[in-house]
N, C-alpha and C. Protein backbone atom coordinates (compact mmCIF):
# COMPACT_ATOMS: atom_id res chain seq x y z
N MET A 1 114.41 101.04 26.55
CA MET A 1 112.58 101.82 25.95
C MET A 1 111.72 100.76 25.49
N LYS A 2 110.49 100.54 25.93
CA LYS A 2 109.74 99.33 26.02
C LYS A 2 108.96 99.82 23.70
N ASN A 3 108.86 98.94 23.37
CA ASN A 3 109.20 98.69 21.75
C ASN A 3 107.07 99.21 22.32
N ARG A 4 106.75 99.86 21.22
CA ARG A 4 105.49 100.51 20.21
C ARG A 4 105.14 99.07 20.36
N TRP A 5 105.55 98.62 19.32
CA TRP A 5 105.04 96.80 19.59
C TRP A 5 104.33 96.18 20.12
N ARG A 6 103.10 96.33 20.53
CA ARG A 6 102.68 95.02 21.37
C ARG A 6 101.69 94.14 21.11
N PHE A 7 102.19 93.76 21.16
CA PHE A 7 100.61 92.35 20.65
C PHE A 7 100.11 91.70 22.18
N THR A 8 98.12 90.90 21.58
CA THR A 8 98.11 90.44 22.98
C THR A 8 97.06 89.52 21.75
N ASP A 9 96.93 87.94 23.22
CA ASP A 9 96.38 87.19 22.25
C ASP A 9 94.82 87.40 22.44
N ALA A 10 94.94 88.35 22.85
CA ALA A 10 92.71 88.47 23.17
C ALA A 10 92.31 88.46 21.56
N ILE A 11 90.88 87.79 22.16
CA ILE A 11 90.16 87.55 21.21
C ILE A 11 88.88 87.38 20.99
N GLU A 12 88.17 88.77 19.95
CA GLU A 12 86.32 89.26 20.30
C GLU A 12 85.32 88.28 20.36
N SER A 13 85.52 87.77 22.04
CA SER A 13 84.23 86.92 21.61
C SER A 13 83.90 86.55 23.39
N TRP A 14 82.19 86.58 23.57
CA TRP A 14 82.56 86.36 24.55
C TRP A 14 81.26 84.90 24.54
N SER A 15 82.45 83.99 24.05
CA SER A 15 81.76 82.47 23.86
C SER A 15 82.79 81.26 24.29
N TRP A 16 82.30 80.73 25.52
CA TRP A 16 83.53 80.23 26.01
C TRP A 16 82.68 79.24 27.25
N GLN A 17 82.57 78.12 26.32
CA GLN A 17 81.69 77.27 26.54
C GLN A 17 82.67 76.08 28.08
N GLY A 18 82.63 75.69 29.12
CA GLY A 18 82.31 74.83 29.94
C GLY A 18 83.95 75.87 31.19
N CYS A 19 84.00 77.65 30.42
CA CYS A 19 84.75 78.06 31.33
C CYS A 19 83.70 78.49 32.44
N GLU A 20 82.55 78.56 32.88
CA GLU A 20 81.45 79.06 33.78
C GLU A 20 82.21 78.80 35.07
N GLY A 21 81.87 80.07 35.59
CA GLY A 21 82.32 80.43 37.34
C GLY A 21 84.07 80.23 36.90
N LYS A 22 84.90 80.22 35.57
CA LYS A 22 86.29 80.76 36.13
C LYS A 22 86.80 82.12 35.99
N LYS A 23 88.06 81.78 36.42
CA LYS A 23 88.75 83.69 36.26
C LYS A 23 88.66 84.53 34.55
N ALA A 24 88.08 85.80 33.97
CA ALA A 24 88.23 85.83 33.05
C ALA A 24 89.09 87.80 32.82
N VAL A 25 90.32 87.32 32.12
CA VAL A 25 90.41 88.81 32.19
C VAL A 25 89.71 89.83 30.78
N VAL A 26 89.05 90.64 30.86
CA VAL A 26 88.71 91.85 29.89
C VAL A 26 90.05 92.13 29.77
N GLU A 27 89.76 92.54 28.28
CA GLU A 27 90.96 93.75 27.17
C GLU A 27 90.24 94.51 26.88
N VAL A 28 90.07 95.46 26.84
CA VAL A 28 89.18 96.14 26.25
C VAL A 28 89.84 97.57 25.41
N PHE A 29 90.16 98.35 24.07
CA PHE A 29 90.62 98.76 23.82
C PHE A 29 89.82 99.75 23.52
N SER A 30 90.66 101.55 24.07
CA SER A 30 89.61 102.07 23.31
C SER A 30 90.71 103.79 22.87
N ASP A 31 90.16 104.49 23.20
CA ASP A 31 91.27 105.66 22.69
C ASP A 31 90.02 107.02 23.74
N ALA A 32 89.76 106.30 24.62
CA ALA A 32 88.52 107.11 25.57
C ALA A 32 89.38 107.70 27.17
N ASP A 33 88.84 108.46 27.70
CA ASP A 33 89.08 108.48 29.13
C ASP A 33 89.36 107.11 30.34
N SER A 34 87.87 106.06 30.19
CA SER A 34 86.91 105.30 30.43
C SER A 34 86.46 104.88 29.89
N ILE A 35 86.33 103.40 31.04
CA ILE A 35 85.43 102.33 30.27
C ILE A 35 84.65 101.87 31.22
N ARG A 36 84.04 101.71 31.46
CA ARG A 36 82.75 101.21 32.20
C ARG A 36 82.27 99.24 31.31
N LEU A 37 82.52 98.60 32.16
CA LEU A 37 82.06 97.45 31.41
C LEU A 37 80.75 96.71 32.49
N TYR A 38 80.13 95.90 31.69
CA TYR A 38 78.79 95.78 32.41
C TYR A 38 78.79 94.35 31.87
N LEU A 39 78.51 93.09 32.58
CA LEU A 39 78.69 91.65 32.70
C LEU A 39 76.42 91.32 32.57
N ASN A 40 76.18 90.81 31.94
CA ASN A 40 74.57 90.66 31.48
C ASN A 40 74.26 92.27 32.76
N GLY A 41 74.05 93.25 32.17
CA GLY A 41 73.67 94.16 32.94
C GLY A 41 74.24 94.64 34.20
N GLN A 42 74.93 93.81 35.02
CA GLN A 42 75.89 94.24 35.81
C GLN A 42 77.57 95.08 35.75
N LEU A 43 77.44 96.11 36.51
CA LEU A 43 78.83 97.00 36.74
C LEU A 43 79.27 95.70 37.48
N ILE A 44 80.52 95.81 36.55
CA ILE A 44 81.86 95.12 36.80
C ILE A 44 83.17 95.71 37.55
N GLY A 45 82.86 97.34 36.33
CA GLY A 45 83.72 98.05 37.70
C GLY A 45 84.15 99.94 35.73
N ARG A 46 84.74 100.27 36.20
CA ARG A 46 85.93 101.70 35.19
C ARG A 46 86.24 101.69 36.09
N GLN A 47 87.52 101.47 34.62
CA GLN A 47 88.41 101.77 34.91
C GLN A 47 89.21 103.19 34.10
N LYS A 48 90.27 103.75 34.06
CA LYS A 48 90.87 104.52 33.05
C LYS A 48 91.27 103.50 32.10
N VAL A 49 91.52 103.72 31.13
CA VAL A 49 92.22 103.64 29.81
C VAL A 49 93.59 104.21 30.10
N ARG A 50 94.83 103.01 29.67
CA ARG A 50 96.29 104.27 29.54
C ARG A 50 96.51 103.53 28.09
N GLN A 51 97.63 104.08 27.49
CA GLN A 51 97.93 103.66 26.38
C GLN A 51 96.72 102.33 25.78
N CYS A 52 95.66 103.37 25.55
CA CYS A 52 94.67 103.18 24.60
C CYS A 52 93.98 101.47 24.74
N LYS A 53 94.66 100.83 25.97
CA LYS A 53 94.08 99.41 26.72
C LYS A 53 93.51 99.55 28.30
N THR A 54 92.80 98.48 29.01
CA THR A 54 92.35 98.52 29.88
C THR A 54 92.25 97.10 30.43
N ARG A 55 91.95 96.59 31.16
CA ARG A 55 91.55 95.08 31.67
C ARG A 55 91.19 94.86 32.82
N PHE A 56 90.01 94.21 32.77
CA PHE A 56 89.19 93.97 33.76
C PHE A 56 89.14 92.38 34.21
N VAL A 57 88.92 92.32 35.26
CA VAL A 57 89.61 90.62 36.43
C VAL A 57 87.40 90.58 36.24
N SER A 58 86.84 89.86 35.37
CA SER A 58 85.43 88.78 36.21
C SER A 58 85.77 87.22 36.50
N ARG A 59 84.47 86.85 36.48
CA ARG A 59 83.86 85.56 36.20
C ARG A 59 82.96 85.05 35.75
N TYR A 60 83.58 83.73 34.30
CA TYR A 60 83.31 83.93 33.39
C TYR A 60 81.77 83.28 33.64
N GLN A 61 80.49 84.27 32.51
CA GLN A 61 79.17 83.87 32.45
C GLN A 61 78.78 83.79 31.47
N PRO A 62 78.06 82.85 30.42
CA PRO A 62 77.21 83.33 29.24
C PRO A 62 76.87 84.40 29.39
N GLY A 63 76.42 84.80 28.21
CA GLY A 63 75.14 86.39 28.59
C GLY A 63 75.51 87.04 27.67
N THR A 64 75.97 88.45 28.06
CA THR A 64 76.13 90.30 27.26
C THR A 64 77.34 90.10 27.71
N LEU A 65 78.44 91.16 27.86
CA LEU A 65 79.39 91.75 27.81
C LEU A 65 79.67 92.53 27.05
N GLU A 66 79.17 94.05 28.05
CA GLU A 66 78.56 95.28 26.84
C GLU A 66 80.12 96.35 28.03
N ALA A 67 81.26 96.83 26.89
CA ALA A 67 82.29 97.64 27.46
C ALA A 67 81.24 99.45 27.19
N VAL A 68 80.94 100.09 27.55
CA VAL A 68 80.86 101.76 27.20
C VAL A 68 82.20 102.52 27.49
N ALA A 69 82.34 103.59 26.20
CA ALA A 69 83.74 103.83 26.47
C ALA A 69 83.24 105.70 27.37
N LEU A 70 83.91 106.47 27.73
CA LEU A 70 83.31 107.65 28.12
C LEU A 70 84.94 108.10 27.94
N ASP A 71 84.00 109.98 28.42
CA ASP A 71 85.20 110.47 27.90
C ASP A 71 85.63 111.35 29.41
N ARG A 72 86.77 112.56 29.27
CA ARG A 72 86.78 112.92 30.85
C ARG A 72 85.76 113.46 32.09
N THR A 73 84.66 113.89 30.75
CA THR A 73 83.57 114.95 31.86
C THR A 73 82.91 113.11 32.89
N GLY A 74 82.38 111.96 31.79
CA GLY A 74 82.29 110.93 31.76
C GLY A 74 80.53 111.25 31.18
N HIS A 75 80.56 111.67 29.81
CA HIS A 75 80.13 111.27 28.77
C HIS A 75 80.30 110.20 28.42
N GLU A 76 78.95 109.58 27.77
CA GLU A 76 79.33 108.29 26.90
C GLU A 76 79.72 108.66 25.37
N THR A 77 81.00 108.00 25.12
CA THR A 77 80.88 108.07 23.45
C THR A 77 80.83 106.80 22.60
N GLY A 78 80.65 106.01 23.08
CA GLY A 78 80.74 105.34 22.32
C GLY A 78 80.70 103.93 23.56
N ARG A 79 79.92 102.81 22.02
CA ARG A 79 80.08 101.27 23.47
C ARG A 79 80.23 100.37 22.30
N SER A 80 80.38 98.91 22.91
CA SER A 80 80.60 97.71 22.19
C SER A 80 80.30 96.83 22.63
N LEU A 81 79.28 95.29 21.71
CA LEU A 81 78.54 94.52 22.38
C LEU A 81 79.32 93.20 22.24
N LEU A 82 79.78 92.38 23.04
CA LEU A 82 79.98 91.22 22.83
C LEU A 82 78.68 89.87 23.16
N ILE A 83 77.72 89.26 22.89
CA ILE A 83 77.12 88.25 23.08
C ILE A 83 77.89 86.21 22.96
N THR A 84 77.39 85.50 24.17
CA THR A 84 77.49 84.11 23.90
C THR A 84 77.09 83.92 22.60
N GLY A 85 77.45 83.02 22.57
CA GLY A 85 76.85 82.17 20.98
C GLY A 85 75.46 80.95 21.23
N GLY A 86 75.48 80.97 20.57
CA GLY A 86 73.92 80.14 20.61
C GLY A 86 74.52 78.86 20.92
N ASP A 87 73.95 77.19 20.79
CA ASP A 87 74.30 76.04 21.09
C ASP A 87 74.35 75.80 19.16
N GLU A 88 73.86 75.63 18.47
CA GLU A 88 74.03 75.18 17.18
C GLU A 88 75.69 75.48 17.28
N THR A 89 76.62 75.38 16.35
CA THR A 89 77.80 75.00 16.13
C THR A 89 77.76 74.65 13.91
N LEU A 90 78.37 76.20 14.01
CA LEU A 90 78.33 75.75 12.31
C LEU A 90 79.91 75.99 11.36
N ILE A 91 80.38 75.94 10.38
CA ILE A 91 82.25 76.19 9.82
C ILE A 91 81.44 76.86 9.38
N SER A 92 82.37 78.28 9.42
CA SER A 92 82.18 80.22 8.30
C SER A 92 83.51 79.86 7.64
N LEU A 93 83.81 79.82 6.37
CA LEU A 93 84.15 80.09 5.34
C LEU A 93 84.68 81.18 4.73
N LYS A 94 85.98 81.70 5.14
CA LYS A 94 85.64 83.19 4.27
C LYS A 94 86.82 82.99 2.60
N PRO A 95 86.38 82.66 2.71
CA PRO A 95 87.86 82.80 0.89
C PRO A 95 88.68 84.93 1.06
N GLU A 96 89.83 84.75 1.26
CA GLU A 96 90.43 86.28 1.09
C GLU A 96 90.01 86.44 -0.53
N LYS A 97 90.36 85.81 -1.03
CA LYS A 97 89.37 86.70 -2.99
C LYS A 97 87.81 85.36 -3.06
N ALA A 98 87.52 85.73 -4.14
CA ALA A 98 86.53 85.52 -5.03
C ALA A 98 87.40 84.76 -6.23
N ARG A 99 88.24 85.08 -6.91
CA ARG A 99 88.02 84.48 -7.97
C ARG A 99 89.98 84.42 -7.77
N LEU A 100 90.50 83.38 -8.28
CA LEU A 100 92.08 82.87 -9.06
C LEU A 100 92.28 82.81 -9.98
N ARG A 101 93.69 82.27 -10.33
CA ARG A 101 93.70 82.64 -12.09
C ARG A 101 94.21 81.28 -12.05
N ALA A 102 94.06 81.03 -12.48
CA ALA A 102 94.86 78.85 -13.18
C ALA A 102 95.98 79.06 -13.48
N ASN A 103 96.87 79.48 -13.06
CA ASN A 103 98.54 79.56 -13.06
C ASN A 103 99.18 78.17 -12.25
N GLY A 104 98.96 77.96 -11.89
CA GLY A 104 99.73 77.01 -10.74
C GLY A 104 100.78 78.28 -9.54
N GLN A 105 100.14 78.88 -9.21
CA GLN A 105 101.16 80.05 -8.65
C GLN A 105 99.78 81.05 -7.78
N ASP A 106 98.96 81.20 -7.93
CA ASP A 106 98.26 81.92 -7.31
C ASP A 106 97.28 81.19 -6.34
N LEU A 107 97.12 82.06 -4.96
CA LEU A 107 97.24 81.49 -3.90
C LEU A 107 95.68 81.62 -3.04
N CYS A 108 95.02 81.13 -2.28
CA CYS A 108 93.83 81.88 -1.45
C CYS A 108 93.73 81.52 0.21
N PHE A 109 93.50 81.77 0.99
CA PHE A 109 93.54 81.91 2.60
C PHE A 109 92.38 81.19 2.79
N ILE A 110 91.97 80.78 3.32
CA ILE A 110 90.37 80.58 3.22
C ILE A 110 90.35 80.06 4.93
N PRO A 111 90.24 81.52 5.93
CA PRO A 111 89.95 80.92 7.18
C PRO A 111 88.77 79.99 7.45
N VAL A 112 88.84 79.43 8.22
CA VAL A 112 88.32 78.60 9.10
C VAL A 112 87.41 79.30 10.83
N THR A 113 86.36 79.22 10.88
CA THR A 113 86.23 79.94 12.05
C THR A 113 84.36 79.24 12.91
N LEU A 114 84.63 78.61 13.93
CA LEU A 114 82.88 78.14 14.30
C LEU A 114 82.34 79.41 14.81
N THR A 115 81.20 79.38 14.42
CA THR A 115 80.38 80.03 14.79
C THR A 115 78.71 79.90 15.27
N ASP A 116 78.46 80.48 15.79
CA ASP A 116 75.92 79.71 15.73
C ASP A 116 75.47 80.50 14.60
N LYS A 117 74.39 80.40 14.68
CA LYS A 117 74.02 81.06 13.60
C LYS A 117 73.98 81.95 12.76
N ASN A 118 74.07 83.05 13.81
CA ASN A 118 74.46 84.30 13.82
C ASN A 118 75.41 84.84 13.20
N GLY A 119 76.31 83.94 13.62
CA GLY A 119 78.05 84.61 12.68
C GLY A 119 78.97 84.74 14.14
N THR A 120 78.12 84.28 15.41
CA THR A 120 79.02 84.49 17.01
C THR A 120 79.83 84.40 17.01
N CYS A 121 81.35 84.43 16.89
CA CYS A 121 82.64 83.59 16.87
C CYS A 121 82.51 82.53 17.97
N LYS A 122 82.88 81.32 18.26
CA LYS A 122 82.84 80.51 19.38
C LYS A 122 84.48 79.41 19.89
N PRO A 123 84.71 80.34 19.50
CA PRO A 123 86.61 79.57 20.59
C PRO A 123 86.75 78.62 20.90
N ALA A 124 86.03 78.50 21.39
CA ALA A 124 86.26 77.59 22.80
C ALA A 124 85.93 75.62 22.47
N LYS A 125 85.61 75.96 21.17
CA LYS A 125 84.52 74.62 21.13
C LYS A 125 85.36 73.89 20.28
N ASP A 126 85.16 72.36 20.12
CA ASP A 126 86.40 71.95 19.76
C ASP A 126 85.91 71.27 18.50
N VAL A 127 85.83 71.21 17.94
CA VAL A 127 85.44 70.29 15.76
C VAL A 127 86.68 69.49 15.19
N ARG A 128 86.57 68.38 15.15
CA ARG A 128 87.60 67.87 13.94
C ARG A 128 86.90 68.00 12.54
N ILE A 129 87.71 68.58 11.49
CA ILE A 129 87.61 68.73 10.25
C ILE A 129 88.19 68.35 9.32
N HIS A 130 87.88 67.43 7.99
CA HIS A 130 88.45 66.86 7.47
C HIS A 130 87.96 68.19 5.80
N VAL A 131 89.05 68.26 5.08
CA VAL A 131 88.78 68.77 3.83
C VAL A 131 89.25 68.00 2.82
N ASP A 132 87.56 68.07 2.06
CA ASP A 132 88.50 67.50 0.31
C ASP A 132 89.29 68.78 -0.01
N VAL A 133 90.03 67.79 -1.43
CA VAL A 133 89.77 68.88 -2.76
C VAL A 133 88.86 68.66 -4.21
N GLU A 134 88.35 69.29 -4.58
CA GLU A 134 88.15 68.80 -5.92
C GLU A 134 88.48 69.97 -6.70
N GLY A 135 88.52 69.31 -8.10
CA GLY A 135 88.88 70.30 -9.70
C GLY A 135 90.31 69.98 -9.32
N PRO A 136 91.66 71.30 -9.83
CA PRO A 136 92.58 71.93 -10.28
C PRO A 136 93.34 72.25 -9.16
N GLY A 137 93.00 72.47 -7.89
CA GLY A 137 93.34 72.82 -6.24
C GLY A 137 94.44 72.19 -5.77
N VAL A 138 94.97 72.58 -4.83
CA VAL A 138 95.46 71.59 -4.49
C VAL A 138 95.57 72.14 -3.38
N LEU A 139 95.12 71.28 -1.77
CA LEU A 139 95.53 71.79 -0.32
C LEU A 139 96.75 71.98 0.17
N GLN A 140 97.53 73.29 0.56
CA GLN A 140 98.77 73.48 0.85
C GLN A 140 99.04 73.84 1.88
N GLY A 141 97.77 73.59 3.13
CA GLY A 141 98.51 73.21 4.49
C GLY A 141 96.56 74.02 5.07
N LEU A 142 96.97 73.30 6.43
CA LEU A 142 95.68 73.26 7.25
C LEU A 142 96.39 73.38 8.77
N GLY A 143 96.38 74.18 9.77
CA GLY A 143 96.28 73.96 10.92
C GLY A 143 95.70 75.02 11.51
N SER A 144 95.99 75.10 13.04
CA SER A 144 95.18 76.05 13.33
C SER A 144 95.60 75.84 15.06
N ALA A 145 95.54 77.26 16.15
CA ALA A 145 96.20 77.24 16.99
C ALA A 145 95.21 77.42 18.43
């Protein structure tokens, strides 16, 4: 019996600088009957959804990737759009908490994301980050995957 817990390494992004022309596997998660996938307005294909997921294979090119969800009759039930990030790269910090207790025990995770000026994630961008902590806080760890 297959385990019901399935994981994927999919990232919700269409910003893959340096991967132009290379094979791209696109996973779409949906409860629809089928998905039509468009890249820069051109239809890549239509796939049936099985177990809430379908996969497409294409060549990466910057621009707009759009998934259109369809019911059994072919009527649109939803859509999702990913856009390639712009040239400028910014560091986005989003603490999980707004306040910490000064008790020596409170902890706050602060995900660090590279984005463009509109907040579009740029996971393929490499930058070196230096962290300085001022005040009574202590950096307990820093890493990337």
